[in-house]
């Protein structure tokens, strides 16, 4: 099992996306919590990115998690259906795993009925053939957030499985503020005695920089560079993940003596 305290992610989302309403921040926090729980299955040995495209209020939601515990994300709000659900089919969940020095693996799955937890559970079942319970939560009024992933081993006895299911179903009566990782481990294990294999600190932090932006822009074709600068020589670029602004000049992109 993996248990997560995601309150720091909520704080990072609120600071990095001040224009988003609280419910949108809660949706994004839940997706990032889900990304961390998936990443825990590889002991944080890879970069993992989740992308959801939806016909709901959250038309594009991204969580980008790195092996060092840094996490970032963004959410694009659809203009239509302002009172509808954040996720709604048709749409897709895309999972990208990037190991050290290896080619990225990309899996895609149509959206199923339900929220973030249901989408990731369906991915585990259909794409990785894993029967697991994954639950993420974020209270938009308090910022209490977290997650739990429980994966029974193949030899789990039937009577132990029944107690496990009962514990998972009973979790709904536990308030969010009480669901810290230590409590969740004891609740699912039905007492003390669980062995802690690892602990990983996580933090919402963007990895953007002017150098990284320039590396991207220098690969743009001429028409895209013209669209970027128009008739001027300076463009203001803002990061989708942290709302940080950068001033980019045509000379920095094109180099000395080159015209776009």
C-alpha atoms as a PDB file:
ATOM      1  CA  UNK A   1       0.000   0.000   0.000  1.00  0.00           C
ATOM      2  CA  UNK A   2       0.971   3.648  -0.408  1.00  0.00           C
ATOM      3  CA  UNK A   3      -0.515   6.491   1.652  1.00  0.00           C
ATOM      4  CA  UNK A   4      -0.112  10.171   0.839  1.00  0.00           C
ATOM      5  CA  UNK A   5      -0.522  13.494   2.631  1.00  0.00           C
ATOM      6  CA  UNK A   6      -1.211  15.945  -0.225  1.00  0.00           C
ATOM      7  CA  UNK A   7      -1.877  19.151   1.704  1.00  0.00           C
ATOM      8  CA  UNK A   8       1.401  20.669   0.484  1.00  0.00           C
ATOM      9  CA  UNK A   9       0.255  20.052  -3.101  1.00  0.00           C
ATOM     10  CA  UNK A  10      -2.942  21.996  -2.423  1.00  0.00           C
ATOM     11  CA  UNK A  11      -0.879  24.927  -1.129  1.00  0.00           C
ATOM     12  CA  UNK A  12       1.347  24.817  -4.215  1.00  0.00           C
ATOM     13  CA  UNK A  13      -1.591  24.699  -6.606  1.00  0.00           C
ATOM     14  CA  UNK A  14      -3.275  27.663  -4.925  1.00  0.00           C
ATOM     15  CA  UNK A  15      -0.088  29.710  -5.082  1.00  0.00           C
ATOM     16  CA  UNK A  16       0.843  28.705  -8.620  1.00  0.00           C
ATOM     17  CA  UNK A  17      -2.654  29.094 -10.080  1.00  0.00           C
ATOM     18  CA  UNK A  18      -4.261  32.071  -8.314  1.00  0.00           C
ATOM     19  CA  UNK A  19      -6.796  32.491 -11.134  1.00  0.00           C
ATOM     20  CA  UNK A  20      -8.351  29.040 -10.566  1.00  0.00           C
ATOM     21  CA  UNK A  21     -11.375  28.646  -8.333  1.00  0.00           C
ATOM     22  CA  UNK A  22     -11.062  26.396  -5.300  1.00  0.00           C
ATOM     23  CA  UNK A  23     -12.920  23.456  -6.877  1.00  0.00           C
ATOM     24  CA  UNK A  24     -10.597  23.512  -9.902  1.00  0.00           C
ATOM     25  CA  UNK A  25      -7.585  23.519  -7.574  1.00  0.00           C
ATOM     26  CA  UNK A  26      -9.047  20.518  -5.737  1.00  0.00           C
ATOM     27  CA  UNK A  27      -9.478  18.622  -9.023  1.00  0.00           C
ATOM     28  CA  UNK A  28      -5.875  19.341 -10.019  1.00  0.00           C
ATOM     29  CA  UNK A  29      -4.603  18.356  -6.569  1.00  0.00           C
ATOM     30  CA  UNK A  30      -6.405  15.016  -6.836  1.00  0.00           C
ATOM     31  CA  UNK A  31      -4.801  14.266 -10.213  1.00  0.00           C
ATOM     32  CA  UNK A  32      -1.347  15.075  -8.838  1.00  0.00           C
ATOM     33  CA  UNK A  33      -2.014  12.837  -5.837  1.00  0.00           C
ATOM     34  CA  UNK A  34      -2.965  10.055  -8.248  1.00  0.00           C
ATOM     35  CA  UNK A  35       0.262  10.572 -10.193  1.00  0.00           C
ATOM     36  CA  UNK A  36       2.312  10.207  -7.011  1.00  0.00           C
ATOM     37  CA  UNK A  37       0.508   7.022  -6.018  1.00  0.00           C
ATOM     38  CA  UNK A  38       1.151   5.508  -9.457  1.00  0.00           C
ATOM     39  CA  UNK A  39       4.778   6.605  -9.250  1.00  0.00           C
ATOM     40  CA  UNK A  40       5.154   4.901  -5.873  1.00  0.00           C
ATOM     41  CA  UNK A  41       4.723   1.531  -7.590  1.00  0.00           C
ATOM     42  CA  UNK A  42       8.151   2.051  -9.194  1.00  0.00           C
ATOM     43  CA  UNK A  43       9.667   3.424  -5.950  1.00  0.00           C
ATOM     44  CA  UNK A  44       9.938   6.845  -7.640  1.00  0.00           C
ATOM     45  CA  UNK A  45      12.462   5.601 -10.176  1.00  0.00           C
ATOM     46  CA  UNK A  46      10.840   7.322 -13.135  1.00  0.00           C
ATOM     47  CA  UNK A  47       9.135  10.484 -14.287  1.00  0.00           C
ATOM     48  CA  UNK A  48       5.371  10.092 -14.612  1.00  0.00           C
ATOM     49  CA  UNK A  49       2.907  12.403 -16.343  1.00  0.00           C
ATOM     50  CA  UNK A  50      -0.884  12.133 -16.337  1.00  0.00           C
ATOM     51  CA  UNK A  51      -2.986  13.974 -18.909  1.00  0.00           C
ATOM     52  CA  UNK A  52      -6.784  14.023 -18.936  1.00  0.00           C
ATOM     53  CA  UNK A  53      -8.789  15.481 -21.792  1.00  0.00           C
ATOM     54  CA  UNK A  54     -12.465  15.717 -20.968  1.00  0.00           C
ATOM     55  CA  UNK A  55     -15.791  17.051 -22.198  1.00  0.00           C
ATOM     56  CA  UNK A  56     -16.401  18.331 -18.657  1.00  0.00           C
ATOM     57  CA  UNK A  57     -15.341  21.561 -16.970  1.00  0.00           C
ATOM     58  CA  UNK A  58     -11.739  20.369 -16.845  1.00  0.00           C
ATOM     59  CA  UNK A  59     -11.033  20.174 -20.571  1.00  0.00           C
ATOM     60  CA  UNK A  60      -7.303  19.521 -20.020  1.00  0.00           C
ATOM     61  CA  UNK A  61      -5.657  18.524 -16.727  1.00  0.00           C
ATOM     62  CA  UNK A  62      -1.958  17.650 -16.387  1.00  0.00           C
ATOM     63  CA  UNK A  63       0.106  16.299 -13.489  1.00  0.00           C
ATOM     64  CA  UNK A  64       3.871  16.030 -14.045  1.00  0.00           C
ATOM     65  CA  UNK A  65       5.802  14.163 -11.338  1.00  0.00           C
ATOM     66  CA  UNK A  66       9.596  13.694 -11.197  1.00  0.00           C
ATOM     67  CA  UNK A  67      11.721  11.126  -9.337  1.00  0.00           C
ATOM     68  CA  UNK A  68      13.155  13.771  -6.995  1.00  0.00           C
ATOM     69  CA  UNK A  69       9.716  14.419  -5.496  1.00  0.00           C
ATOM     70  CA  UNK A  70       8.990  17.645  -7.362  1.00  0.00           C
ATOM     71  CA  UNK A  71       5.545  17.886  -8.874  1.00  0.00           C
ATOM     72  CA  UNK A  72       3.723  20.413 -11.023  1.00  0.00           C
ATOM     73  CA  UNK A  73       0.440  20.614 -12.927  1.00  0.00           C
ATOM     74  CA  UNK A  74      -2.121  22.776 -14.669  1.00  0.00           C
ATOM     75  CA  UNK A  75      -5.821  22.761 -15.517  1.00  0.00           C
ATOM     76  CA  UNK A  76      -7.639  24.410 -18.412  1.00  0.00           C
ATOM     77  CA  UNK A  77     -11.247  25.257 -17.601  1.00  0.00           C
ATOM     78  CA  UNK A  78     -13.809  24.846 -20.374  1.00  0.00           C
ATOM     79  CA  UNK A  79     -16.025  27.855 -21.088  1.00  0.00           C
ATOM     80  CA  UNK A  80     -19.139  25.735 -21.598  1.00  0.00           C
ATOM     81  CA  UNK A  81     -21.174  23.969 -18.898  1.00  0.00           C
ATOM     82  CA  UNK A  82     -19.906  25.941 -15.862  1.00  0.00           C
ATOM     83  CA  UNK A  83     -22.075  23.917 -13.440  1.00  0.00           C
ATOM     84  CA  UNK A  84     -21.272  20.462 -14.841  1.00  0.00           C
ATOM     85  CA  UNK A  85     -18.819  17.824 -13.556  1.00  0.00           C
ATOM     86  CA  UNK A  86     -15.091  18.394 -13.877  1.00  0.00           C
ATOM     87  CA  UNK A  87     -14.638  15.107 -15.736  1.00  0.00           C
ATOM     88  CA  UNK A  88     -17.082  13.879 -18.326  1.00  0.00           C
ATOM     89  CA  UNK A  89     -16.849  11.503 -21.275  1.00  0.00           C
ATOM     90  CA  UNK A  90     -15.966  11.486 -24.077  1.00  0.00           C
ATOM     91  CA  UNK A  91     -12.327  11.976 -23.248  1.00  0.00           C
ATOM     92  CA  UNK A  92      -9.132  10.119 -22.449  1.00  0.00           C
ATOM     93  CA  UNK A  93      -6.534   9.474 -19.785  1.00  0.00           C
ATOM     94  CA  UNK A  94      -2.937   9.393 -21.012  1.00  0.00           C
ATOM     95  CA  UNK A  95      -0.149   8.014 -18.817  1.00  0.00           C
ATOM     96  CA  UNK A  96       3.483   8.663 -19.783  1.00  0.00           C
ATOM     97  CA  UNK A  97       6.275   6.888 -17.918  1.00  0.00           C
ATOM     98  CA  UNK A  98       9.883   7.905 -18.582  1.00  0.00           C
ATOM     99  CA  UNK A  99      12.595   5.756 -17.037  1.00  0.00           C
ATOM    100  CA  UNK A 100      16.190   6.874 -16.703  1.00  0.00           C
ATOM    101  CA  UNK A 101      17.824   6.619 -20.140  1.00  0.00           C
ATOM    102  CA  UNK A 102      14.874   4.723 -21.623  1.00  0.00           C
ATOM    103  CA  UNK A 103      12.200   5.488 -24.155  1.00  0.00           C
ATOM    104  CA  UNK A 104       8.950   6.811 -22.660  1.00  0.00           C
ATOM    105  CA  UNK A 105       6.006   4.462 -22.394  1.00  0.00           C
ATOM    106  CA  UNK A 106       2.642   6.047 -23.228  1.00  0.00           C
ATOM    107  CA  UNK A 107      -0.676   4.401 -22.404  1.00  0.00           C
ATOM    108  CA  UNK A 108      -4.097   5.782 -23.319  1.00  0.00           C
ATOM    109  CA  UNK A 109      -7.548   4.844 -22.071  1.00  0.00           C
ATOM    110  CA  UNK A 110     -10.998   6.330 -22.753  1.00  0.00           C
ATOM    111  CA  UNK A 111     -12.558   8.038 -19.761  1.00  0.00           C
ATOM    112  CA  UNK A 112     -14.883   5.917 -17.656  1.00  0.00           C
ATOM    113  CA  UNK A 113     -17.728   7.091 -15.444  1.00  0.00           C
ATOM    114  CA  UNK A 114     -16.474   8.702 -12.265  1.00  0.00           C
ATOM    115  CA  UNK A 115     -13.760  11.005 -10.985  1.00  0.00           C
ATOM    116  CA  UNK A 116      -9.957  10.918 -10.820  1.00  0.00           C
ATOM    117  CA  UNK A 117      -9.842   7.762  -8.690  1.00  0.00           C
ATOM    118  CA  UNK A 118     -12.041   5.828 -11.126  1.00  0.00           C
ATOM    119  CA  UNK A 119      -9.901   6.832 -14.119  1.00  0.00           C
ATOM    120  CA  UNK A 120      -6.631   5.653 -12.556  1.00  0.00           C
ATOM    121  CA  UNK A 121      -8.167   2.430 -11.244  1.00  0.00           C
ATOM    122  CA  UNK A 122      -9.436   1.688 -14.777  1.00  0.00           C
ATOM    123  CA  UNK A 123      -5.965   2.379 -16.174  1.00  0.00           C
ATOM    124  CA  UNK A 124      -4.349  -0.035 -13.706  1.00  0.00           C
ATOM    125  CA  UNK A 125      -6.893  -2.712 -14.510  1.00  0.00           C
ATOM    126  CA  UNK A 126      -6.920  -2.451 -18.306  1.00  0.00           C
ATOM    127  CA  UNK A 127      -3.411  -1.237 -19.156  1.00  0.00           C
ATOM    128  CA  UNK A 128      -1.307  -2.872 -16.427  1.00  0.00           C
ATOM    129  CA  UNK A 129      -3.642  -5.781 -15.513  1.00  0.00           C
ATOM    130  CA  UNK A 130      -3.506  -4.813 -11.843  1.00  0.00           C
ATOM    131  CA  UNK A 131      -6.470  -5.123  -9.500  1.00  0.00           C
ATOM    132  CA  UNK A 132      -6.035  -2.299  -7.011  1.00  0.00           C
ATOM    133  CA  UNK A 133      -8.009   0.224  -5.007  1.00  0.00           C
ATOM    134  CA  UNK A 134      -6.966   3.862  -5.473  1.00  0.00           C
ATOM    135  CA  UNK A 135      -8.634   6.747  -3.677  1.00  0.00           C
ATOM    136  CA  UNK A 136      -7.702  10.429  -3.815  1.00  0.00           C
ATOM    137  CA  UNK A 137      -9.472  13.332  -2.127  1.00  0.00           C
ATOM    138  CA  UNK A 138      -9.202  17.085  -1.714  1.00  0.00           C
ATOM    139  CA  UNK A 139     -11.631  19.282   0.210  1.00  0.00           C
ATOM    140  CA  UNK A 140     -11.963  22.571  -1.684  1.00  0.00           C
ATOM    141  CA  UNK A 141     -13.025  24.386   1.483  1.00  0.00           C
ATOM    142  CA  UNK A 142     -10.173  23.300   3.773  1.00  0.00           C
ATOM    143  CA  UNK A 143      -7.381  21.993   1.532  1.00  0.00           C
ATOM    144  CA  UNK A 144      -7.323  18.654   3.352  1.00  0.00           C
ATOM    145  CA  UNK A 145      -5.965  16.321   0.670  1.00  0.00           C
ATOM    146  CA  UNK A 146      -4.418  12.900   0.346  1.00  0.00           C
ATOM    147  CA  UNK A 147      -4.515   9.540  -1.313  1.00  0.00           C
ATOM    148  CA  UNK A 148      -4.346   5.791  -0.759  1.00  0.00           C
ATOM    149  CA  UNK A 149      -3.316   2.949  -3.066  1.00  0.00           C
ATOM    150  CA  UNK A 150      -3.887  -0.650  -1.960  1.00  0.00           C
ATOM    151  CA  UNK A 151      -2.821  -3.578  -4.132  1.00  0.00           C
ATOM    152  CA  UNK A 152      -3.420  -7.112  -2.826  1.00  0.00           C
ATOM    153  CA  UNK A 153      -0.680  -9.640  -3.564  1.00  0.00           C
ATOM    154  CA  UNK A 154      -1.647 -12.708  -5.635  1.00  0.00           C
ATOM    155  CA  UNK A 155      -1.584 -15.041  -2.632  1.00  0.00           C
ATOM    156  CA  UNK A 156      -3.807 -12.872  -0.442  1.00  0.00           C
ATOM    157  CA  UNK A 157      -6.153 -15.288   1.423  1.00  0.00           C
ATOM    158  CA  UNK A 158      -9.909 -14.818   0.788  1.00  0.00           C
ATOM    159  CA  UNK A 159     -10.642 -14.011   4.441  1.00  0.00           C
ATOM    160  CA  UNK A 160      -7.911 -11.335   4.441  1.00  0.00           C
ATOM    161  CA  UNK A 161      -9.300  -9.935   1.189  1.00  0.00           C
ATOM    162  CA  UNK A 162     -12.760  -9.623   2.729  1.00  0.00           C
ATOM    163  CA  UNK A 163     -11.395  -7.711   5.713  1.00  0.00           C
ATOM    164  CA  UNK A 164      -9.462  -5.491   3.332  1.00  0.00           C
ATOM    165  CA  UNK A 165     -12.577  -4.683   1.297  1.00  0.00           C
ATOM    166  CA  UNK A 166     -14.487  -3.930   4.498  1.00  0.00           C
ATOM    167  CA  UNK A 167     -11.729  -1.543   5.626  1.00  0.00           C
ATOM    168  CA  UNK A 168     -11.706   0.253   2.266  1.00  0.00           C
ATOM    169  CA  UNK A 169     -15.478   0.626   2.218  1.00  0.00           C
ATOM    170  CA  UNK A 170     -15.469   1.843   5.812  1.00  0.00           C
ATOM    171  CA  UNK A 171     -12.973   4.590   5.025  1.00  0.00           C
ATOM    172  CA  UNK A 172     -15.810   6.834   3.817  1.00  0.00           C
ATOM    173  CA  UNK A 173     -16.847   7.498   7.424  1.00  0.00           C
ATOM    174  CA  UNK A 174     -13.387   8.853   8.311  1.00  0.00           C
ATOM    175  CA  UNK A 175     -13.128  12.660   7.924  1.00  0.00           C
ATOM    176  CA  UNK A 176     -10.427  13.975   5.612  1.00  0.00           C
ATOM    177  CA  UNK A 177      -8.549  15.762   8.387  1.00  0.00           C
ATOM    178  CA  UNK A 178      -7.980  12.441  10.158  1.00  0.00           C
ATOM    179  CA  UNK A 179      -6.608  10.594   7.113  1.00  0.00           C
ATOM    180  CA  UNK A 180      -2.876  11.116   7.609  1.00  0.00           C
ATOM    181  CA  UNK A 181      -0.570   8.368   6.260  1.00  0.00           C
ATOM    182  CA  UNK A 182       0.045   6.754   9.663  1.00  0.00           C
ATOM    183  CA  UNK A 183      -3.674   6.474  10.320  1.00  0.00           C
ATOM    184  CA  UNK A 184      -4.382   5.104   6.828  1.00  0.00           C
ATOM    185  CA  UNK A 185      -1.726   2.416   7.185  1.00  0.00           C
ATOM    186  CA  UNK A 186      -3.118   1.298  10.546  1.00  0.00           C
ATOM    187  CA  UNK A 187      -6.697   1.412   9.220  1.00  0.00           C
ATOM    188  CA  UNK A 188      -5.987  -0.749   6.180  1.00  0.00           C
ATOM    189  CA  UNK A 189      -3.640  -3.061   8.098  1.00  0.00           C
ATOM    190  CA  UNK A 190      -6.253  -3.260  10.876  1.00  0.00           C
ATOM    191  CA  UNK A 191      -3.705  -2.474  13.528  1.00  0.00           C
ATOM    192  CA  UNK A 192       0.032  -2.015  13.937  1.00  0.00           C
ATOM    193  CA  UNK A 193       2.616  -4.282  12.360  1.00  0.00           C
ATOM    194  CA  UNK A 194       2.941  -2.912   8.825  1.00  0.00           C
ATOM    195  CA  UNK A 195       6.507  -2.598   7.523  1.00  0.00           C
ATOM    196  CA  UNK A 196       7.388   0.821   6.110  1.00  0.00           C
ATOM    197  CA  UNK A 197       9.475   0.211   2.966  1.00  0.00           C
ATOM    198  CA  UNK A 198      10.231   3.836   2.102  1.00  0.00           C
ATOM    199  CA  UNK A 199       9.203   7.430   2.723  1.00  0.00           C
ATOM    200  CA  UNK A 200       9.300  10.071   0.004  1.00  0.00           C
ATOM    201  CA  UNK A 201       9.030  13.838   0.476  1.00  0.00           C
ATOM    202  CA  UNK A 202       7.016  15.626  -2.210  1.00  0.00           C
ATOM    203  CA  UNK A 203       6.752  19.295  -3.126  1.00  0.00           C
ATOM    204  CA  UNK A 204       4.868  21.379  -5.662  1.00  0.00           C
ATOM    205  CA  UNK A 205       7.586  23.158  -7.601  1.00  0.00           C
ATOM    206  CA  UNK A 206       7.894  24.117 -11.254  1.00  0.00           C
ATOM    207  CA  UNK A 207      11.051  23.357 -13.240  1.00  0.00           C
ATOM    208  CA  UNK A 208      10.661  26.212 -15.712  1.00  0.00           C
ATOM    209  CA  UNK A 209      13.526  28.573 -16.593  1.00  0.00           C
ATOM    210  CA  UNK A 210      14.326  31.080 -19.298  1.00  0.00           C
ATOM    211  CA  UNK A 211      17.041  28.779 -20.649  1.00  0.00           C
ATOM    212  CA  UNK A 212      14.548  25.917 -21.026  1.00  0.00           C
ATOM    213  CA  UNK A 213      12.077  28.187 -22.829  1.00  0.00           C
ATOM    214  CA  UNK A 214      14.751  29.435 -25.225  1.00  0.00           C
ATOM    215  CA  UNK A 215      15.750  25.851 -26.010  1.00  0.00           C
ATOM    216  CA  UNK A 216      12.143  25.191 -27.061  1.00  0.00           C
ATOM    217  CA  UNK A 217      11.660  28.415 -29.031  1.00  0.00           C
ATOM    218  CA  UNK A 218      14.867  28.053 -31.021  1.00  0.00           C
ATOM    219  CA  UNK A 219      13.382  24.926 -32.573  1.00  0.00           C
ATOM    220  CA  UNK A 220      10.250  26.745 -33.775  1.00  0.00           C
ATOM    221  CA  UNK A 221       9.737  27.220 -37.544  1.00  0.00           C
ATOM    222  CA  UNK A 222       9.769  30.776 -38.918  1.00  0.00           C
ATOM    223  CA  UNK A 223       5.995  31.153 -39.027  1.00  0.00           C
ATOM    224  CA  UNK A 224       5.602  30.247 -35.348  1.00  0.00           C
ATOM    225  CA  UNK A 225       8.344  32.680 -34.366  1.00  0.00           C
ATOM    226  CA  UNK A 226       6.540  35.399 -36.315  1.00  0.00           C
ATOM    227  CA  UNK A 227       3.331  34.565 -34.460  1.00  0.00           C
ATOM    228  CA  UNK A 228       5.237  34.759 -31.165  1.00  0.00           C
ATOM    229  CA  UNK A 229       6.765  38.203 -31.735  1.00  0.00           C
ATOM    230  CA  UNK A 230       4.410  39.791 -34.269  1.00  0.00           C
ATOM    231  CA  UNK A 231       5.793  43.175 -35.241  1.00  0.00           C
ATOM    232  CA  UNK A 232       7.801  43.614 -32.063  1.00  0.00           C
ATOM    233  CA  UNK A 233      11.123  42.309 -30.827  1.00  0.00           C
ATOM    234  CA  UNK A 234      10.015  41.221 -27.340  1.00  0.00           C
ATOM    235  CA  UNK A 235       7.443  38.656 -26.221  1.00  0.00           C
ATOM    236  CA  UNK A 236       6.090  37.994 -22.738  1.00  0.00           C
ATOM    237  CA  UNK A 237       5.709  34.288 -22.007  1.00  0.00           C
ATOM    238  CA  UNK A 238       3.976  32.884 -18.936  1.00  0.00           C
ATOM    239  CA  UNK A 239       4.450  29.360 -17.585  1.00  0.00           C
ATOM    240  CA  UNK A 240       1.260  27.262 -17.440  1.00  0.00           C
ATOM    241  CA  UNK A 241       2.517  25.384 -14.377  1.00  0.00           C
ATOM    242  CA  UNK A 242       3.483  28.222 -12.019  1.00  0.00           C
ATOM    243  CA  UNK A 243       2.284  31.471 -13.663  1.00  0.00           C
ATOM    244  CA  UNK A 244       5.857  32.815 -13.733  1.00  0.00           C
ATOM    245  CA  UNK A 245       6.500  35.326 -16.526  1.00  0.00           C
ATOM    246  CA  UNK A 246       9.539  35.565 -18.812  1.00  0.00           C
ATOM    247  CA  UNK A 247      10.557  38.306 -21.243  1.00  0.00           C
ATOM    248  CA  UNK A 248      11.995  36.801 -24.435  1.00  0.00           C
ATOM    249  CA  UNK A 249      13.649  38.842 -27.196  1.00  0.00           C
ATOM    250  CA  UNK A 250      13.786  38.035 -30.887  1.00  0.00           C
ATOM    251  CA  UNK A 251      17.584  38.178 -30.757  1.00  0.00           C
ATOM    252  CA  UNK A 252      17.687  35.554 -27.982  1.00  0.00           C
ATOM    253  CA  UNK A 253      15.601  33.192 -30.102  1.00  0.00           C
ATOM    254  CA  UNK A 254      17.071  33.882 -33.543  1.00  0.00           C
ATOM    255  CA  UNK A 255      20.662  34.734 -32.607  1.00  0.00           C
ATOM    256  CA  UNK A 256      22.866  37.558 -33.816  1.00  0.00           C
ATOM    257  CA  UNK A 257      22.579  38.429 -37.477  1.00  0.00           C
ATOM    258  CA  UNK A 258      19.511  36.218 -38.065  1.00  0.00           C
ATOM    259  CA  UNK A 259      16.021  37.413 -38.868  1.00  0.00           C
ATOM    260  CA  UNK A 260      12.943  35.322 -38.349  1.00  0.00           C
END
